[in-house]
């Protein structure tokens, strides 16, 4: 793969719950990765689209919800295969920007990825997950559970953006 994909994702918190999407693995043949996991809503930024526009579009497509975009919370780089392996990033290389967002309207649905046909959809379900239950869910990327719990205690609005690499 010769291209690095720019992605955006949303941390939406409401009534002591976080909005997450159960998603099929991007590498189902790799036994070291779970076959499905819970991720933040979001996706790729299209050419000519602002970060805010991309995140609002992805939220609507995947969750049916409208949102306002808040501060940048994290930057996550992902190379797969992972650094240290043969040909790192040859299958996937992305940089994801995570923003704090507030839901402003819409109706929660399990959306779809328009780039995939119905039989190839990656989204399994969309749910508001209570913080107290996060330990019961397989979250991806690996840093996400601890990050969500820490930020919950410290707040989101004044957060300093953090950088996470492929191994976090």
N, C-alpha and C. Protein backbone atom coordinates (compact mmCIF):
# COMPACT_ATOMS: atom_id res chain seq x y z
N UNK A 1 0.86 -1.18 0.00
CA UNK A 1 0.00 0.00 0.00
C UNK A 1 0.90 1.23 0.00
N UNK A 2 0.65 2.15 -0.88
CA UNK A 2 1.50 3.32 -1.01
C UNK A 2 0.88 4.57 -0.40
N UNK A 3 -0.33 4.49 0.06
CA UNK A 3 -1.07 5.67 0.51
C UNK A 3 -1.33 5.60 2.01
N UNK A 4 -1.24 6.75 2.66
CA UNK A 4 -1.62 6.86 4.06
C UNK A 4 -3.01 7.46 4.10
N UNK A 5 -3.93 6.81 4.79
CA UNK A 5 -5.31 7.27 4.89
C UNK A 5 -5.48 8.18 6.10
N UNK A 6 -6.13 9.30 5.91
CA UNK A 6 -6.48 10.19 7.02
C UNK A 6 -7.89 9.83 7.46
N UNK A 7 -8.05 9.57 8.76
CA UNK A 7 -9.34 9.18 9.32
C UNK A 7 -9.70 10.13 10.45
N UNK A 8 -10.99 10.18 10.75
CA UNK A 8 -11.50 10.94 11.88
C UNK A 8 -12.38 10.02 12.72
N UNK A 9 -12.43 10.26 14.01
CA UNK A 9 -13.32 9.48 14.87
C UNK A 9 -13.88 10.38 15.96
N UNK A 10 -15.03 9.95 16.51
CA UNK A 10 -15.78 10.77 17.47
C UNK A 10 -15.89 10.07 18.81
N UNK A 11 -15.54 10.79 19.86
CA UNK A 11 -15.86 10.35 21.22
C UNK A 11 -17.10 11.13 21.63
N UNK A 12 -18.21 10.41 21.73
CA UNK A 12 -19.49 11.00 22.13
C UNK A 12 -19.87 10.39 23.49
N UNK A 13 -20.08 11.23 24.46
CA UNK A 13 -20.44 10.79 25.80
C UNK A 13 -21.77 11.44 26.17
N UNK A 14 -22.68 10.60 26.73
CA UNK A 14 -24.00 11.08 27.10
C UNK A 14 -24.54 10.20 28.22
N UNK A 15 -24.99 10.81 29.29
CA UNK A 15 -25.59 10.07 30.41
C UNK A 15 -24.69 8.95 30.91
N UNK A 16 -23.40 9.25 31.08
CA UNK A 16 -22.39 8.31 31.58
C UNK A 16 -22.24 7.07 30.68
N UNK A 17 -22.43 7.29 29.37
CA UNK A 17 -22.27 6.23 28.37
C UNK A 17 -21.45 6.80 27.21
N UNK A 18 -20.80 5.90 26.48
CA UNK A 18 -20.03 6.30 25.30
C UNK A 18 -20.60 5.57 24.08
N UNK A 19 -20.63 6.25 22.96
CA UNK A 19 -21.16 5.70 21.72
C UNK A 19 -20.08 4.86 21.03
N UNK A 20 -20.38 3.58 20.80
CA UNK A 20 -19.42 2.68 20.16
C UNK A 20 -20.09 1.84 19.08
N UNK A 21 -19.28 1.37 18.16
CA UNK A 21 -19.74 0.55 17.05
C UNK A 21 -19.05 -0.80 17.11
N UNK A 22 -19.85 -1.88 17.09
CA UNK A 22 -19.26 -3.20 16.97
C UNK A 22 -18.92 -3.41 15.50
N UNK A 23 -17.69 -3.78 15.24
CA UNK A 23 -17.14 -3.79 13.89
C UNK A 23 -16.42 -5.10 13.63
N UNK A 24 -16.50 -5.60 12.42
CA UNK A 24 -15.73 -6.78 12.03
C UNK A 24 -14.26 -6.39 11.90
N UNK A 25 -13.37 -7.34 12.11
CA UNK A 25 -11.94 -7.10 12.02
C UNK A 25 -11.52 -6.70 10.61
N UNK A 26 -10.54 -5.80 10.54
CA UNK A 26 -9.99 -5.43 9.24
C UNK A 26 -9.01 -6.49 8.74
N UNK A 27 -8.66 -7.44 9.61
CA UNK A 27 -7.74 -8.53 9.24
C UNK A 27 -8.25 -9.84 9.86
N UNK A 28 -9.37 -10.37 9.37
CA UNK A 28 -9.99 -11.54 9.99
C UNK A 28 -9.12 -12.80 9.95
N UNK A 29 -8.17 -12.84 9.06
CA UNK A 29 -7.29 -14.02 8.96
C UNK A 29 -6.16 -14.00 9.99
N UNK A 30 -5.99 -12.89 10.72
CA UNK A 30 -4.91 -12.77 11.70
C UNK A 30 -5.41 -13.25 13.06
N UNK A 31 -4.91 -14.40 13.55
CA UNK A 31 -5.38 -14.93 14.84
C UNK A 31 -4.98 -14.06 16.04
N UNK A 32 -4.04 -13.14 15.85
CA UNK A 32 -3.64 -12.29 16.97
C UNK A 32 -4.62 -11.13 17.18
N UNK A 33 -5.54 -10.92 16.24
CA UNK A 33 -6.55 -9.87 16.38
C UNK A 33 -7.92 -10.50 16.58
N UNK A 34 -8.78 -9.85 17.37
CA UNK A 34 -10.14 -10.39 17.53
C UNK A 34 -10.92 -10.30 16.22
N UNK A 35 -11.88 -11.18 16.05
CA UNK A 35 -12.71 -11.20 14.85
C UNK A 35 -13.67 -10.04 14.77
N UNK A 36 -13.99 -9.48 15.93
CA UNK A 36 -14.86 -8.30 16.02
C UNK A 36 -14.48 -7.54 17.28
N UNK A 37 -14.74 -6.26 17.26
CA UNK A 37 -14.38 -5.40 18.38
C UNK A 37 -15.22 -4.14 18.30
N UNK A 38 -15.16 -3.33 19.34
CA UNK A 38 -15.92 -2.09 19.43
C UNK A 38 -14.99 -0.92 19.19
N UNK A 39 -15.39 -0.02 18.30
CA UNK A 39 -14.60 1.14 17.93
C UNK A 39 -15.44 2.40 18.03
N UNK A 40 -14.77 3.53 17.92
CA UNK A 40 -15.47 4.81 17.87
C UNK A 40 -16.06 5.01 16.47
N UNK A 41 -17.17 5.73 16.36
CA UNK A 41 -17.69 6.06 15.03
C UNK A 41 -16.67 6.91 14.28
N UNK A 42 -16.58 6.72 12.99
CA UNK A 42 -15.67 7.53 12.19
C UNK A 42 -15.25 6.81 10.93
N UNK A 43 -14.37 7.44 10.18
CA UNK A 43 -13.90 6.84 8.94
C UNK A 43 -13.01 7.80 8.18
N UNK A 44 -12.78 7.47 6.92
CA UNK A 44 -11.85 8.20 6.08
C UNK A 44 -12.36 9.57 5.65
N UNK A 45 -11.41 10.48 5.54
CA UNK A 45 -11.68 11.82 5.03
C UNK A 45 -11.56 11.76 3.51
N UNK A 46 -12.58 12.24 2.81
CA UNK A 46 -12.57 12.23 1.35
C UNK A 46 -11.88 13.49 0.82
N UNK A 47 -11.32 13.40 -0.38
CA UNK A 47 -10.65 14.53 -1.00
C UNK A 47 -11.60 15.72 -1.07
N UNK A 48 -11.13 16.89 -0.65
CA UNK A 48 -11.93 18.11 -0.69
C UNK A 48 -12.86 18.29 0.49
N UNK A 49 -12.84 17.38 1.43
CA UNK A 49 -13.74 17.42 2.59
C UNK A 49 -12.95 17.91 3.80
N UNK A 50 -13.55 18.80 4.60
CA UNK A 50 -12.89 19.22 5.83
C UNK A 50 -13.00 18.10 6.87
N UNK A 51 -12.19 18.19 7.91
CA UNK A 51 -12.26 17.20 8.99
C UNK A 51 -13.64 17.19 9.63
N UNK A 52 -14.18 18.38 9.90
CA UNK A 52 -15.52 18.47 10.50
C UNK A 52 -16.58 17.85 9.59
N UNK A 53 -16.52 18.17 8.29
CA UNK A 53 -17.49 17.61 7.35
C UNK A 53 -17.40 16.08 7.32
N UNK A 54 -16.18 15.57 7.30
CA UNK A 54 -15.98 14.12 7.26
C UNK A 54 -16.55 13.45 8.50
N UNK A 55 -16.30 14.04 9.66
CA UNK A 55 -16.77 13.42 10.89
C UNK A 55 -18.29 13.50 11.01
N UNK A 56 -18.88 14.60 10.62
CA UNK A 56 -20.34 14.70 10.65
C UNK A 56 -20.97 13.70 9.66
N UNK A 57 -20.37 13.53 8.49
CA UNK A 57 -20.88 12.56 7.51
C UNK A 57 -20.75 11.14 8.04
N UNK A 58 -19.59 10.79 8.58
CA UNK A 58 -19.38 9.45 9.09
C UNK A 58 -20.33 9.14 10.25
N UNK A 59 -20.54 10.10 11.14
CA UNK A 59 -21.49 9.89 12.25
C UNK A 59 -22.88 9.60 11.71
N UNK A 60 -23.32 10.37 10.74
CA UNK A 60 -24.66 10.18 10.18
C UNK A 60 -24.76 8.82 9.50
N UNK A 61 -23.76 8.45 8.68
CA UNK A 61 -23.78 7.18 7.96
C UNK A 61 -23.79 5.98 8.92
N UNK A 62 -22.96 6.05 9.96
CA UNK A 62 -22.77 4.89 10.83
C UNK A 62 -23.75 4.80 11.98
N UNK A 63 -24.24 5.95 12.47
CA UNK A 63 -25.06 5.94 13.68
C UNK A 63 -26.43 6.59 13.51
N UNK A 64 -26.63 7.35 12.44
CA UNK A 64 -27.88 8.09 12.27
C UNK A 64 -27.94 9.37 13.07
N UNK A 65 -26.87 9.69 13.79
CA UNK A 65 -26.87 10.85 14.67
C UNK A 65 -26.14 12.04 14.06
N UNK A 66 -26.59 13.23 14.42
CA UNK A 66 -25.92 14.48 14.06
C UNK A 66 -25.05 14.89 15.23
N UNK A 67 -23.98 15.63 14.95
CA UNK A 67 -23.10 16.03 16.05
C UNK A 67 -22.45 17.37 15.77
N UNK A 68 -21.98 17.98 16.84
CA UNK A 68 -21.10 19.15 16.73
C UNK A 68 -19.70 18.67 17.11
N UNK A 69 -18.71 19.24 16.48
CA UNK A 69 -17.32 18.79 16.66
C UNK A 69 -16.64 19.68 17.69
N UNK A 70 -16.02 19.03 18.67
CA UNK A 70 -15.28 19.74 19.71
C UNK A 70 -13.78 19.61 19.52
N UNK A 71 -13.05 19.63 20.61
CA UNK A 71 -11.58 19.65 20.53
C UNK A 71 -10.99 18.31 20.08
N UNK A 72 -9.80 18.42 19.48
CA UNK A 72 -9.01 17.25 19.13
C UNK A 72 -8.50 16.61 20.41
N UNK A 73 -8.71 15.29 20.57
CA UNK A 73 -8.30 14.59 21.78
C UNK A 73 -7.09 13.68 21.57
N UNK A 74 -7.03 13.03 20.41
CA UNK A 74 -5.89 12.13 20.19
C UNK A 74 -5.57 12.00 18.72
N UNK A 75 -4.34 11.55 18.48
CA UNK A 75 -3.86 11.20 17.14
C UNK A 75 -3.37 9.77 17.25
N UNK A 76 -3.87 8.89 16.38
CA UNK A 76 -3.52 7.47 16.41
C UNK A 76 -2.98 7.06 15.06
N UNK A 77 -1.75 6.59 15.03
CA UNK A 77 -1.19 6.05 13.79
C UNK A 77 -1.29 4.54 13.82
N UNK A 78 -1.67 3.95 12.70
CA UNK A 78 -1.78 2.50 12.60
C UNK A 78 -1.09 2.01 11.34
N UNK A 79 -0.13 1.15 11.52
CA UNK A 79 0.50 0.42 10.43
C UNK A 79 0.18 -1.05 10.64
N UNK A 80 -0.28 -1.70 9.59
CA UNK A 80 -0.54 -3.14 9.65
C UNK A 80 -0.05 -3.76 8.36
N UNK A 81 0.82 -4.77 8.39
CA UNK A 81 1.41 -5.36 9.58
C UNK A 81 2.14 -4.32 10.44
N UNK A 82 2.22 -4.66 11.72
CA UNK A 82 2.75 -3.74 12.71
C UNK A 82 4.25 -3.51 12.52
N UNK A 83 4.76 -2.36 13.01
CA UNK A 83 6.20 -2.10 12.96
C UNK A 83 6.97 -3.25 13.61
N UNK A 84 8.10 -3.56 13.01
CA UNK A 84 8.91 -4.68 13.50
C UNK A 84 8.66 -5.96 12.73
N UNK A 85 7.58 -6.01 11.97
CA UNK A 85 7.28 -7.19 11.16
C UNK A 85 7.80 -6.95 9.73
N UNK A 86 7.70 -7.97 8.92
CA UNK A 86 8.10 -7.87 7.54
C UNK A 86 7.13 -6.94 6.80
N UNK A 87 7.66 -5.91 6.14
CA UNK A 87 6.87 -4.97 5.34
C UNK A 87 5.78 -4.27 6.14
N UNK A 88 6.14 -3.56 7.24
CA UNK A 88 5.13 -2.88 8.06
C UNK A 88 4.32 -1.89 7.25
N UNK A 89 3.03 -1.87 7.53
CA UNK A 89 2.12 -0.93 6.88
C UNK A 89 1.77 -1.28 5.44
N UNK A 90 2.21 -2.43 4.97
CA UNK A 90 1.96 -2.78 3.56
C UNK A 90 0.48 -3.02 3.28
N UNK A 91 -0.27 -3.44 4.27
CA UNK A 91 -1.70 -3.68 4.07
C UNK A 91 -2.56 -2.49 4.48
N UNK A 92 -2.11 -1.77 5.50
CA UNK A 92 -2.90 -0.64 6.00
C UNK A 92 -1.97 0.35 6.69
N UNK A 93 -2.13 1.63 6.36
CA UNK A 93 -1.42 2.70 7.07
C UNK A 93 -2.39 3.88 7.15
N UNK A 94 -2.74 4.24 8.38
CA UNK A 94 -3.66 5.36 8.57
C UNK A 94 -3.23 6.21 9.75
N UNK A 95 -3.69 7.45 9.73
CA UNK A 95 -3.57 8.36 10.86
C UNK A 95 -4.99 8.78 11.19
N UNK A 96 -5.39 8.55 12.42
CA UNK A 96 -6.75 8.85 12.85
C UNK A 96 -6.73 9.98 13.87
N UNK A 97 -7.58 10.96 13.66
CA UNK A 97 -7.73 12.08 14.58
C UNK A 97 -9.02 11.90 15.36
N UNK A 98 -8.92 11.83 16.67
CA UNK A 98 -10.08 11.63 17.52
C UNK A 98 -10.55 12.93 18.14
N UNK A 99 -11.81 13.26 17.94
CA UNK A 99 -12.39 14.51 18.43
C UNK A 99 -13.48 14.23 19.44
N UNK A 100 -13.61 15.11 20.40
CA UNK A 100 -14.76 15.07 21.29
C UNK A 100 -15.94 15.68 20.54
N UNK A 101 -17.07 15.00 20.55
CA UNK A 101 -18.26 15.47 19.82
C UNK A 101 -19.47 15.39 20.73
N UNK A 102 -20.42 16.26 20.46
CA UNK A 102 -21.70 16.22 21.16
C UNK A 102 -22.79 15.89 20.17
N UNK A 103 -23.65 14.95 20.55
CA UNK A 103 -24.79 14.59 19.71
C UNK A 103 -25.80 15.73 19.76
N UNK A 104 -26.25 16.18 18.59
CA UNK A 104 -27.16 17.31 18.50
C UNK A 104 -28.52 16.94 17.92
N UNK A 105 -28.67 15.69 17.47
CA UNK A 105 -29.95 15.28 16.89
C UNK A 105 -29.82 13.96 16.18
N UNK A 106 -30.87 13.61 15.47
CA UNK A 106 -30.90 12.34 14.75
C UNK A 106 -31.50 11.24 15.60
N UNK A 107 -31.55 10.06 15.03
CA UNK A 107 -32.08 8.88 15.71
C UNK A 107 -31.07 7.75 15.57
N UNK A 108 -30.73 7.11 16.70
CA UNK A 108 -29.72 6.06 16.69
C UNK A 108 -30.15 4.88 15.82
N UNK A 109 -29.29 4.53 14.88
CA UNK A 109 -29.50 3.37 14.02
C UNK A 109 -28.17 2.61 13.90
N UNK A 110 -28.25 1.38 13.46
CA UNK A 110 -27.04 0.68 13.04
C UNK A 110 -26.89 0.98 11.56
N UNK A 111 -25.95 1.86 11.27
CA UNK A 111 -25.76 2.34 9.91
C UNK A 111 -24.98 1.38 9.05
N UNK A 112 -24.48 1.91 7.96
CA UNK A 112 -23.74 1.08 7.01
C UNK A 112 -22.64 1.92 6.38
N UNK A 113 -21.65 1.19 5.87
CA UNK A 113 -20.57 1.81 5.12
C UNK A 113 -20.96 1.82 3.65
N UNK A 114 -21.17 3.00 3.05
CA UNK A 114 -21.63 3.04 1.67
C UNK A 114 -20.64 2.45 0.66
N UNK A 115 -19.37 2.34 1.06
CA UNK A 115 -18.37 1.79 0.14
C UNK A 115 -18.41 0.26 0.05
N UNK A 116 -19.21 -0.38 0.92
CA UNK A 116 -19.33 -1.84 0.91
C UNK A 116 -20.74 -2.26 0.51
N UNK A 117 -20.82 -3.40 -0.18
CA UNK A 117 -22.13 -3.96 -0.52
C UNK A 117 -22.78 -4.51 0.75
N UNK A 118 -24.07 -4.82 0.68
CA UNK A 118 -24.81 -5.30 1.85
C UNK A 118 -24.17 -6.55 2.46
N UNK A 119 -23.66 -7.46 1.65
CA UNK A 119 -23.08 -8.69 2.18
C UNK A 119 -21.65 -8.52 2.67
N UNK A 120 -21.07 -7.32 2.50
CA UNK A 120 -19.70 -7.08 2.96
C UNK A 120 -19.62 -6.02 4.05
N UNK A 121 -20.74 -5.66 4.63
CA UNK A 121 -20.76 -4.62 5.65
C UNK A 121 -19.88 -5.00 6.85
N UNK A 122 -19.19 -4.01 7.40
CA UNK A 122 -18.29 -4.21 8.53
C UNK A 122 -18.97 -3.89 9.86
N UNK A 123 -19.99 -3.03 9.84
CA UNK A 123 -20.69 -2.61 11.06
C UNK A 123 -21.67 -3.70 11.47
N UNK A 124 -21.57 -4.13 12.73
CA UNK A 124 -22.48 -5.15 13.27
C UNK A 124 -23.61 -4.49 14.05
N UNK A 125 -23.26 -3.58 14.95
CA UNK A 125 -24.27 -2.86 15.71
C UNK A 125 -23.68 -1.59 16.30
N UNK A 126 -24.56 -0.68 16.69
CA UNK A 126 -24.20 0.60 17.31
C UNK A 126 -24.92 0.68 18.64
N UNK A 127 -24.19 1.06 19.69
CA UNK A 127 -24.81 1.13 21.03
C UNK A 127 -24.16 2.21 21.88
N UNK A 128 -24.97 2.72 22.79
CA UNK A 128 -24.43 3.53 23.88
C UNK A 128 -24.02 2.54 24.97
N UNK A 129 -22.74 2.50 25.32
CA UNK A 129 -22.22 1.56 26.31
C UNK A 129 -21.95 2.32 27.62
N UNK A 130 -22.55 1.89 28.74
CA UNK A 130 -22.26 2.53 30.02
C UNK A 130 -20.77 2.37 30.37
N UNK A 131 -20.18 3.42 30.91
CA UNK A 131 -18.77 3.36 31.32
C UNK A 131 -18.52 2.19 32.27
N UNK A 132 -19.48 1.93 33.15
CA UNK A 132 -19.30 0.86 34.14
C UNK A 132 -19.19 -0.52 33.48
N UNK A 133 -19.64 -0.65 32.22
CA UNK A 133 -19.62 -1.94 31.52
C UNK A 133 -18.50 -2.06 30.49
N UNK A 134 -17.67 -1.04 30.34
CA UNK A 134 -16.64 -1.07 29.29
C UNK A 134 -15.71 -2.29 29.39
N UNK A 135 -15.46 -2.77 30.61
CA UNK A 135 -14.57 -3.92 30.79
C UNK A 135 -15.11 -5.19 30.13
N UNK A 136 -16.40 -5.23 29.82
CA UNK A 136 -17.02 -6.41 29.21
C UNK A 136 -16.86 -6.44 27.68
N UNK A 137 -16.32 -5.37 27.10
CA UNK A 137 -16.27 -5.24 25.64
C UNK A 137 -14.83 -5.23 25.15
N UNK A 138 -14.61 -5.84 24.00
CA UNK A 138 -13.32 -5.82 23.33
C UNK A 138 -13.24 -4.50 22.55
N UNK A 139 -12.43 -3.56 23.05
CA UNK A 139 -12.31 -2.26 22.40
C UNK A 139 -11.05 -2.21 21.54
N UNK A 140 -11.13 -1.48 20.44
CA UNK A 140 -9.97 -1.29 19.58
C UNK A 140 -9.95 0.17 19.16
N UNK A 141 -8.79 0.78 19.13
CA UNK A 141 -7.46 0.25 19.41
C UNK A 141 -7.25 -0.01 20.90
N UNK A 142 -6.17 -0.71 21.23
CA UNK A 142 -5.96 -1.16 22.62
C UNK A 142 -5.95 -0.04 23.66
N UNK A 143 -5.50 1.15 23.32
CA UNK A 143 -5.45 2.24 24.30
C UNK A 143 -6.83 2.78 24.66
N UNK A 144 -7.86 2.47 23.88
CA UNK A 144 -9.13 3.17 23.96
C UNK A 144 -9.84 3.04 25.31
N UNK A 145 -9.92 1.84 25.87
CA UNK A 145 -10.65 1.66 27.13
C UNK A 145 -10.07 2.55 28.23
N UNK A 146 -8.75 2.47 28.44
CA UNK A 146 -8.12 3.25 29.50
C UNK A 146 -8.24 4.75 29.22
N UNK A 147 -8.11 5.11 27.96
CA UNK A 147 -8.23 6.52 27.59
C UNK A 147 -9.64 7.04 27.92
N UNK A 148 -10.65 6.31 27.54
CA UNK A 148 -12.03 6.74 27.81
C UNK A 148 -12.28 6.88 29.31
N UNK A 149 -11.81 5.92 30.09
CA UNK A 149 -12.03 5.97 31.54
C UNK A 149 -11.26 7.11 32.18
N UNK A 150 -10.03 7.34 31.75
CA UNK A 150 -9.22 8.44 32.29
C UNK A 150 -9.83 9.79 31.93
N UNK A 151 -10.20 9.96 30.66
CA UNK A 151 -10.79 11.22 30.21
C UNK A 151 -12.12 11.47 30.89
N UNK A 152 -12.86 10.42 31.17
CA UNK A 152 -14.14 10.58 31.85
C UNK A 152 -13.93 11.27 33.19
N UNK A 153 -12.88 10.90 33.87
CA UNK A 153 -12.58 11.50 35.18
C UNK A 153 -12.02 12.91 35.04
N UNK A 154 -11.21 13.14 34.02
CA UNK A 154 -10.50 14.42 33.88
C UNK A 154 -11.20 15.42 32.97
N UNK A 155 -12.21 15.01 32.27
CA UNK A 155 -12.93 15.91 31.36
C UNK A 155 -12.35 15.90 29.96
N UNK A 156 -13.13 16.34 29.01
CA UNK A 156 -12.74 16.31 27.61
C UNK A 156 -12.41 17.69 27.06
N UNK A 157 -13.12 18.71 27.50
CA UNK A 157 -13.02 20.03 26.89
C UNK A 157 -11.62 20.62 26.99
N UNK A 158 -10.90 20.34 28.06
CA UNK A 158 -9.58 20.93 28.25
C UNK A 158 -8.44 19.93 28.01
N UNK A 159 -8.73 18.84 27.35
CA UNK A 159 -7.74 17.80 27.12
C UNK A 159 -6.65 18.27 26.17
N UNK A 160 -5.43 17.85 26.45
CA UNK A 160 -4.30 18.09 25.56
C UNK A 160 -4.22 16.89 24.62
N UNK A 161 -4.18 17.11 23.30
CA UNK A 161 -4.14 15.96 22.38
C UNK A 161 -2.96 15.04 22.67
N UNK A 162 -3.21 13.73 22.59
CA UNK A 162 -2.19 12.73 22.85
C UNK A 162 -1.94 11.94 21.58
N UNK A 163 -0.69 11.45 21.43
CA UNK A 163 -0.29 10.66 20.28
C UNK A 163 -0.16 9.20 20.69
N UNK A 164 -0.76 8.29 19.91
CA UNK A 164 -0.66 6.86 20.14
C UNK A 164 -0.13 6.21 18.87
N UNK A 165 0.85 5.32 19.04
CA UNK A 165 1.42 4.67 17.86
C UNK A 165 0.75 3.33 17.59
N UNK A 166 1.26 2.61 16.60
CA UNK A 166 0.64 1.35 16.16
C UNK A 166 0.57 0.28 17.24
N UNK A 167 1.44 0.34 18.20
CA UNK A 167 1.49 -0.69 19.22
C UNK A 167 0.63 -0.35 20.43
N UNK A 168 -0.07 0.76 20.42
CA UNK A 168 -0.91 1.16 21.56
C UNK A 168 -2.37 1.03 21.22
